[in-house]
Structures are given as structure tokens and as C-alpha cells.
PDB file of all heavy atoms in Angstrom:
ATOM      1  N   LEU A   1     -92.739  62.460 107.824  1.00  0.00           N
ATOM      2  CA  LEU A   1     -92.197  62.825 106.525  1.00  0.00           C
ATOM      3  C   LEU A   1     -90.877  63.563 106.715  1.00  0.00           C
ATOM      4  O   LEU A   1     -90.715  64.337 107.658  1.00  0.00           O
ATOM      5  CB  LEU A   1     -93.173  63.714 105.767  1.00  0.00           C
ATOM      6  CG  LEU A   1     -94.585  63.168 105.559  1.00  0.00           C
ATOM      7  CD1 LEU A   1     -95.387  64.141 104.690  1.00  0.00           C
ATOM      8  CD2 LEU A   1     -94.566  61.794 104.934  1.00  0.00           C
ATOM      9  N   SER A   2     -89.969  63.313 105.800  1.00  0.00           N
ATOM     10  CA  SER A   2     -88.694  64.015 105.781  1.00  0.00           C
ATOM     11  C   SER A   2     -88.515  64.694 104.445  1.00  0.00           C
ATOM     12  O   SER A   2     -88.998  64.198 103.419  1.00  0.00           O
ATOM     13  CB  SER A   2     -87.528  63.044 106.013  1.00  0.00           C
ATOM     14  OG  SER A   2     -87.622  62.416 107.266  1.00  0.00           O
ATOM     15  N   CYS A   3     -87.808  65.792 104.457  1.00  0.00           N
ATOM     16  CA  CYS A   3     -87.492  66.511 103.223  1.00  0.00           C
ATOM     17  C   CYS A   3     -86.020  66.888 103.291  1.00  0.00           C
ATOM     18  O   CYS A   3     -85.630  67.742 104.105  1.00  0.00           O
ATOM     19  CB  CYS A   3     -88.369  67.739 103.087  1.00  0.00           C
ATOM     20  SG  CYS A   3     -87.937  68.822 101.704  1.00  0.00           S
ATOM     21  N   ALA A   4     -85.223  66.234 102.472  1.00  0.00           N
ATOM     22  CA  ALA A   4     -83.790  66.487 102.455  1.00  0.00           C
ATOM     23  C   ALA A   4     -83.465  67.506 101.373  1.00  0.00           C
ATOM     24  O   ALA A   4     -83.925  67.376 100.233  1.00  0.00           O
ATOM     25  CB  ALA A   4     -83.036  65.193 102.199  1.00  0.00           C
ATOM     26  N   ALA A   5     -82.677  68.496 101.733  1.00  0.00           N
ATOM     27  CA  ALA A   5     -82.336  69.574 100.810  1.00  0.00           C
ATOM     28  C   ALA A   5     -80.869  69.528 100.431  1.00  0.00           C
ATOM     29  O   ALA A   5     -80.012  69.199 101.248  1.00  0.00           O
ATOM     30  CB  ALA A   5     -82.650  70.918 101.445  1.00  0.00           C
ATOM     31  N   SER A   6     -80.616  69.854  99.176  1.00  0.00           N
ATOM     32  CA  SER A   6     -79.244  70.011  98.725  1.00  0.00           C
ATOM     33  C   SER A   6     -78.920  71.491  98.684  1.00  0.00           C
ATOM     34  O   SER A   6     -79.813  72.338  98.696  1.00  0.00           O
ATOM     35  CB  SER A   6     -79.064  69.397  97.335  1.00  0.00           C
ATOM     36  OG  SER A   6     -79.834  70.119  96.394  1.00  0.00           O
ATOM     37  N   GLY A   7     -77.651  71.823  98.609  1.00  0.00           N
ATOM     38  CA  GLY A   7     -77.262  73.220  98.536  1.00  0.00           C
ATOM     39  C   GLY A   7     -76.898  73.782  99.894  1.00  0.00           C
ATOM     40  O   GLY A   7     -77.184  73.187 100.928  1.00  0.00           O
ATOM     41  N   ARG A   8     -76.276  74.949  99.851  1.00  0.00           N
ATOM     42  CA  ARG A   8     -75.747  75.537 101.082  1.00  0.00           C
ATOM     43  C   ARG A   8     -76.644  76.604 101.672  1.00  0.00           C
ATOM     44  O   ARG A   8     -76.267  77.249 102.647  1.00  0.00           O
ATOM     45  CB  ARG A   8     -74.364  76.121 100.789  1.00  0.00           C
ATOM     46  CG  ARG A   8     -73.324  75.054 100.470  1.00  0.00           C
ATOM     47  CD  ARG A   8     -71.976  75.672 100.227  1.00  0.00           C
ATOM     48  NE  ARG A   8     -71.936  76.422  98.975  1.00  0.00           N
ATOM     49  CZ  ARG A   8     -70.872  77.084  98.548  1.00  0.00           C
ATOM     50  NH1 ARG A   8     -69.780  77.121  99.288  1.00  0.00           N
ATOM     51  NH2 ARG A   8     -70.902  77.719  97.410  1.00  0.00           N
ATOM     52  N   THR A   9     -77.824  76.812 101.095  1.00  0.00           N
ATOM     53  CA  THR A   9     -78.673  77.892 101.589  1.00  0.00           C
ATOM     54  C   THR A   9     -79.910  77.408 102.340  1.00  0.00           C
ATOM     55  O   THR A   9     -80.758  78.213 102.698  1.00  0.00           O
ATOM     56  CB  THR A   9     -79.125  78.783 100.419  1.00  0.00           C
ATOM     57  OG1 THR A   9     -79.935  78.000  99.514  1.00  0.00           O
ATOM     58  CG2 THR A   9     -77.940  79.359  99.675  1.00  0.00           C
ATOM     59  N   PHE A  10     -80.000  76.110 102.587  1.00  0.00           N
ATOM     60  CA  PHE A  10     -81.180  75.577 103.273  1.00  0.00           C
ATOM     61  C   PHE A  10     -81.415  76.287 104.587  1.00  0.00           C
ATOM     62  O   PHE A  10     -82.542  76.674 104.908  1.00  0.00           O
ATOM     63  CB  PHE A  10     -80.999  74.077 103.512  1.00  0.00           C
ATOM     64  CG  PHE A  10     -82.034  73.484 104.428  1.00  0.00           C
ATOM     65  CD1 PHE A  10     -83.277  73.127 103.926  1.00  0.00           C
ATOM     66  CD2 PHE A  10     -81.775  73.269 105.771  1.00  0.00           C
ATOM     67  CE1 PHE A  10     -84.238  72.574 104.756  1.00  0.00           C
ATOM     68  CE2 PHE A  10     -82.725  72.727 106.607  1.00  0.00           C
ATOM     69  CZ  PHE A  10     -83.962  72.369 106.102  1.00  0.00           C
ATOM     70  N   SER A  11     -80.362  76.468 105.354  1.00  0.00           N
ATOM     71  CA  SER A  11     -80.511  76.995 106.704  1.00  0.00           C
ATOM     72  C   SER A  11     -80.997  78.442 106.733  1.00  0.00           C
ATOM     73  O   SER A  11     -81.391  78.940 107.791  1.00  0.00           O
ATOM     74  CB  SER A  11     -79.189  76.877 107.467  1.00  0.00           C
ATOM     75  OG  SER A  11     -78.181  77.629 106.821  1.00  0.00           O
ATOM     76  N   SER A  12     -81.000  79.120 105.606  1.00  0.00           N
ATOM     77  CA  SER A  12     -81.435  80.511 105.553  1.00  0.00           C
ATOM     78  C   SER A  12     -82.815  80.679 104.912  1.00  0.00           C
ATOM     79  O   SER A  12     -83.265  81.799 104.694  1.00  0.00           O
ATOM     80  CB  SER A  12     -80.423  81.353 104.777  1.00  0.00           C
ATOM     81  OG  SER A  12     -80.344  80.930 103.425  1.00  0.00           O
ATOM     82  N   ARG A  13     -83.474  79.558 104.636  1.00  0.00           N
ATOM     83  CA  ARG A  13     -84.764  79.635 103.942  1.00  0.00           C
ATOM     84  C   ARG A  13     -85.910  79.112 104.794  1.00  0.00           C
ATOM     85  O   ARG A  13     -85.757  78.117 105.509  1.00  0.00           O
ATOM     86  CB  ARG A  13     -84.715  78.848 102.632  1.00  0.00           C
ATOM     87  CG  ARG A  13     -83.702  79.401 101.652  1.00  0.00           C
ATOM     88  CD  ARG A  13     -83.757  78.667 100.318  1.00  0.00           C
ATOM     89  NE  ARG A  13     -82.624  79.050  99.483  1.00  0.00           N
ATOM     90  CZ  ARG A  13     -82.623  80.089  98.681  1.00  0.00           C
ATOM     91  NH1 ARG A  13     -83.687  80.879  98.594  1.00  0.00           N
ATOM     92  NH2 ARG A  13     -81.555  80.368  97.961  1.00  0.00           N
ATOM     93  N   GLY A  14     -87.039  79.780 104.698  1.00  0.00           N
ATOM     94  CA  GLY A  14     -88.239  79.240 105.298  1.00  0.00           C
ATOM     95  C   GLY A  14     -88.661  77.982 104.552  1.00  0.00           C
ATOM     96  O   GLY A  14     -88.419  77.861 103.353  1.00  0.00           O
ATOM     97  N   MET A  15     -89.286  77.059 105.273  1.00  0.00           N
ATOM     98  CA  MET A  15     -89.700  75.798 104.672  1.00  0.00           C
ATOM     99  C   MET A  15     -91.172  75.566 104.953  1.00  0.00           C
ATOM    100  O   MET A  15     -91.682  75.893 106.035  1.00  0.00           O
ATOM    101  CB  MET A  15     -88.887  74.635 105.238  1.00  0.00           C
ATOM    102  CG  MET A  15     -87.396  74.708 104.935  1.00  0.00           C
ATOM    103  SD  MET A  15     -87.047  74.585 103.170  1.00  0.00           S
ATOM    104  CE  MET A  15     -87.683  72.948 102.805  1.00  0.00           C
ATOM    105  N   GLY A  16     -91.839  74.978 103.996  1.00  0.00           N
ATOM    106  CA  GLY A  16     -93.249  74.675 104.176  1.00  0.00           C
ATOM    107  C   GLY A  16     -93.580  73.273 103.717  1.00  0.00           C
ATOM    108  O   GLY A  16     -92.894  72.703 102.863  1.00  0.00           O
ATOM    109  N   TRP A  17     -94.611  72.721 104.308  1.00  0.00           N
ATOM    110  CA  TRP A  17     -95.218  71.469 103.842  1.00  0.00           C
ATOM    111  C   TRP A  17     -96.597  71.813 103.285  1.00  0.00           C
ATOM    112  O   TRP A  17     -97.369  72.550 103.914  1.00  0.00           O
ATOM    113  CB  TRP A  17     -95.352  70.457 104.967  1.00  0.00           C
ATOM    114  CG  TRP A  17     -94.085  69.764 105.340  1.00  0.00           C
ATOM    115  CD1 TRP A  17     -93.245  70.069 106.372  1.00  0.00           C
ATOM    116  CD2 TRP A  17     -93.503  68.637 104.673  1.00  0.00           C
ATOM    117  NE1 TRP A  17     -92.187  69.213 106.390  1.00  0.00           N
ATOM    118  CE2 TRP A  17     -92.314  68.315 105.356  1.00  0.00           C
ATOM    119  CE3 TRP A  17     -93.866  67.861 103.564  1.00  0.00           C
ATOM    120  CZ2 TRP A  17     -91.489  67.252 104.975  1.00  0.00           C
ATOM    121  CZ3 TRP A  17     -93.046  66.815 103.182  1.00  0.00           C
ATOM    122  CH2 TRP A  17     -91.874  66.523 103.879  1.00  0.00           C
ATOM    123  N   PHE A  18     -96.881  71.276 102.125  1.00  0.00           N
ATOM    124  CA  PHE A  18     -98.157  71.475 101.456  1.00  0.00           C
ATOM    125  C   PHE A  18     -98.720  70.101 101.105  1.00  0.00           C
ATOM    126  O   PHE A  18     -97.997  69.111 101.081  1.00  0.00           O
ATOM    127  CB  PHE A  18     -97.964  72.300 100.172  1.00  0.00           C
ATOM    128  CG  PHE A  18     -97.444  73.687 100.412  1.00  0.00           C
ATOM    129  CD1 PHE A  18     -96.102  73.909 100.671  1.00  0.00           C
ATOM    130  CD2 PHE A  18     -98.295  74.777 100.365  1.00  0.00           C
ATOM    131  CE1 PHE A  18     -95.609  75.192 100.894  1.00  0.00           C
ATOM    132  CE2 PHE A  18     -97.819  76.067 100.585  1.00  0.00           C
ATOM    133  CZ  PHE A  18     -96.477  76.265 100.848  1.00  0.00           C
ATOM    134  N   ARG A  19    -100.003  70.077 100.803  1.00  0.00           N
ATOM    135  CA  ARG A  19    -100.589  68.823 100.342  1.00  0.00           C
ATOM    136  C   ARG A  19    -101.659  69.106  99.301  1.00  0.00           C
ATOM    137  O   ARG A  19    -102.251  70.185  99.264  1.00  0.00           O
ATOM    138  CB  ARG A  19    -101.181  68.030 101.510  1.00  0.00           C
ATOM    139  CG  ARG A  19    -102.391  68.667 102.177  1.00  0.00           C
ATOM    140  CD  ARG A  19    -102.790  67.855 103.401  1.00  0.00           C
ATOM    141  NE  ARG A  19    -103.961  68.415 104.074  1.00  0.00           N
ATOM    142  CZ  ARG A  19    -104.430  67.993 105.240  1.00  0.00           C
ATOM    143  NH1 ARG A  19    -103.821  66.981 105.885  1.00  0.00           N
ATOM    144  NH2 ARG A  19    -105.503  68.549 105.774  1.00  0.00           N
ATOM    145  N   GLN A  20    -101.865  68.108  98.465  1.00  0.00           N
ATOM    146  CA  GLN A  20    -102.894  68.202  97.447  1.00  0.00           C
ATOM    147  C   GLN A  20    -103.607  66.871  97.332  1.00  0.00           C
ATOM    148  O   GLN A  20    -102.974  65.852  97.017  1.00  0.00           O
ATOM    149  CB  GLN A  20    -102.321  68.622  96.093  1.00  0.00           C
ATOM    150  CG  GLN A  20    -103.385  68.894  95.059  1.00  0.00           C
ATOM    151  CD  GLN A  20    -102.841  69.635  93.854  1.00  0.00           C
ATOM    152  OE1 GLN A  20    -101.647  69.616  93.574  1.00  0.00           O
ATOM    153  NE2 GLN A  20    -103.730  70.305  93.133  1.00  0.00           N
ATOM    154  N   ALA A  21    -104.895  66.903  97.617  1.00  0.00           N
ATOM    155  CA  ALA A  21    -105.730  65.716  97.499  1.00  0.00           C
ATOM    156  C   ALA A  21    -106.361  65.689  96.102  1.00  0.00           C
ATOM    157  O   ALA A  21    -106.497  66.736  95.463  1.00  0.00           O
ATOM    158  CB  ALA A  21    -106.809  65.723  98.569  1.00  0.00           C
ATOM    159  N   PRO A  22    -106.762  64.534  95.623  1.00  0.00           N
ATOM    160  CA  PRO A  22    -107.375  64.448  94.293  1.00  0.00           C
ATOM    161  C   PRO A  22    -108.576  65.366  94.162  1.00  0.00           C
ATOM    162  O   PRO A  22    -109.462  65.374  95.023  1.00  0.00           O
ATOM    163  CB  PRO A  22    -107.777  62.976  94.197  1.00  0.00           C
ATOM    164  CG  PRO A  22    -106.848  62.273  95.118  1.00  0.00           C
ATOM    165  CD  PRO A  22    -106.604  63.211  96.251  1.00  0.00           C
ATOM    166  N   GLY A  23    -108.568  66.163  93.111  1.00  0.00           N
ATOM    167  CA  GLY A  23    -109.688  67.045  92.853  1.00  0.00           C
ATOM    168  C   GLY A  23    -109.727  68.296  93.699  1.00  0.00           C
ATOM    169  O   GLY A  23    -110.680  69.070  93.619  1.00  0.00           O
ATOM    170  N   LYS A  24    -108.699  68.503  94.513  1.00  0.00           N
ATOM    171  CA  LYS A  24    -108.659  69.666  95.383  1.00  0.00           C
ATOM    172  C   LYS A  24    -107.434  70.512  95.091  1.00  0.00           C
ATOM    173  O   LYS A  24    -106.457  70.043  94.510  1.00  0.00           O
ATOM    174  CB  LYS A  24    -108.669  69.234  96.849  1.00  0.00           C
ATOM    175  CG  LYS A  24    -109.942  68.539  97.292  1.00  0.00           C
ATOM    176  CD  LYS A  24    -109.948  68.310  98.788  1.00  0.00           C
ATOM    177  CE  LYS A  24    -111.256  67.685  99.244  1.00  0.00           C
ATOM    178  NZ  LYS A  24    -111.282  67.473 100.718  1.00  0.00           N
ATOM    179  N   GLU A  25    -107.498  71.764  95.525  1.00  0.00           N
ATOM    180  CA  GLU A  25    -106.361  72.643  95.349  1.00  0.00           C
ATOM    181  C   GLU A  25    -105.293  72.324  96.394  1.00  0.00           C
ATOM    182  O   GLU A  25    -105.574  71.796  97.465  1.00  0.00           O
ATOM    183  CB  GLU A  25    -106.795  74.107  95.486  1.00  0.00           C
ATOM    184  CG  GLU A  25    -107.691  74.580  94.355  1.00  0.00           C
ATOM    185  CD  GLU A  25    -107.938  76.074  94.402  1.00  0.00           C
ATOM    186  OE1 GLU A  25    -107.505  76.721  95.371  1.00  0.00           O
ATOM    187  OE2 GLU A  25    -108.563  76.595  93.469  1.00  0.00           O
ATOM    188  N   ARG A  26    -104.075  72.683  96.051  1.00  0.00           N
ATOM    189  CA  ARG A  26    -102.983  72.515  96.998  1.00  0.00           C
ATOM    190  C   ARG A  26    -103.208  73.440  98.178  1.00  0.00           C
ATOM    191  O   ARG A  26    -103.626  74.576  98.022  1.00  0.00           O
ATOM    192  CB  ARG A  26    -101.657  72.827  96.317  1.00  0.00           C
ATOM    193  CG  ARG A  26    -100.429  72.563  97.173  1.00  0.00           C
ATOM    194  CD  ARG A  26     -99.183  72.828  96.377  1.00  0.00           C
ATOM    195  NE  ARG A  26     -99.074  74.220  95.975  1.00  0.00           N
ATOM    196  CZ  ARG A  26     -98.324  74.647  94.963  1.00  0.00           C
ATOM    197  NH1 ARG A  26     -97.636  73.777  94.265  1.00  0.00           N
ATOM    198  NH2 ARG A  26     -98.271  75.922  94.680  1.00  0.00           N
ATOM    199  N   GLU A  27    -102.910  72.950  99.368  1.00  0.00           N
ATOM    200  CA  GLU A  27    -103.087  73.764 100.559  1.00  0.00           C
ATOM    201  C   GLU A  27    -101.849  73.698 101.443  1.00  0.00           C
ATOM    202  O   GLU A  27    -101.117  72.705 101.462  1.00  0.00           O
ATOM    203  CB  GLU A  27    -104.309  73.286 101.358  1.00  0.00           C
ATOM    204  CG  GLU A  27    -104.200  71.879 101.891  1.00  0.00           C
ATOM    205  CD  GLU A  27    -105.372  71.510 102.803  1.00  0.00           C
ATOM    206  OE1 GLU A  27    -106.131  72.399 103.224  1.00  0.00           O
ATOM    207  OE2 GLU A  27    -105.500  70.302 103.109  1.00  0.00           O
ATOM    208  N   SER A  28    -101.644  74.775 102.169  1.00  0.00           N
ATOM    209  CA  SER A  28    -100.544  74.822 103.124  1.00  0.00           C
ATOM    210  C   SER A  28    -100.911  73.996 104.354  1.00  0.00           C
ATOM    211  O   SER A  28    -102.027  74.073 104.854  1.00  0.00           O
ATOM    212  CB  SER A  28    -100.266  76.264 103.525  1.00  0.00           C
ATOM    213  OG  SER A  28     -99.330  76.321 104.583  1.00  0.00           O
TER     214      SER A  28
END
């Protein structure tokens, strides 16, 4: 998976991947 960011502050921010399955809560 790739996540492309716009803006000039990407390099200063923490990044996370999350997922959500049907009927379940989102999880880190």
C-alpha cells in the first residue's frame, strides 16, 4: 500500500496505517 501526501508538512508528521473490517472497530 502507498499513501501519497500533499502539502509541505508531511516530513514533520507521524504517519499511521489503520484498518477497519466489516462490523469491527477501526484498529491501528
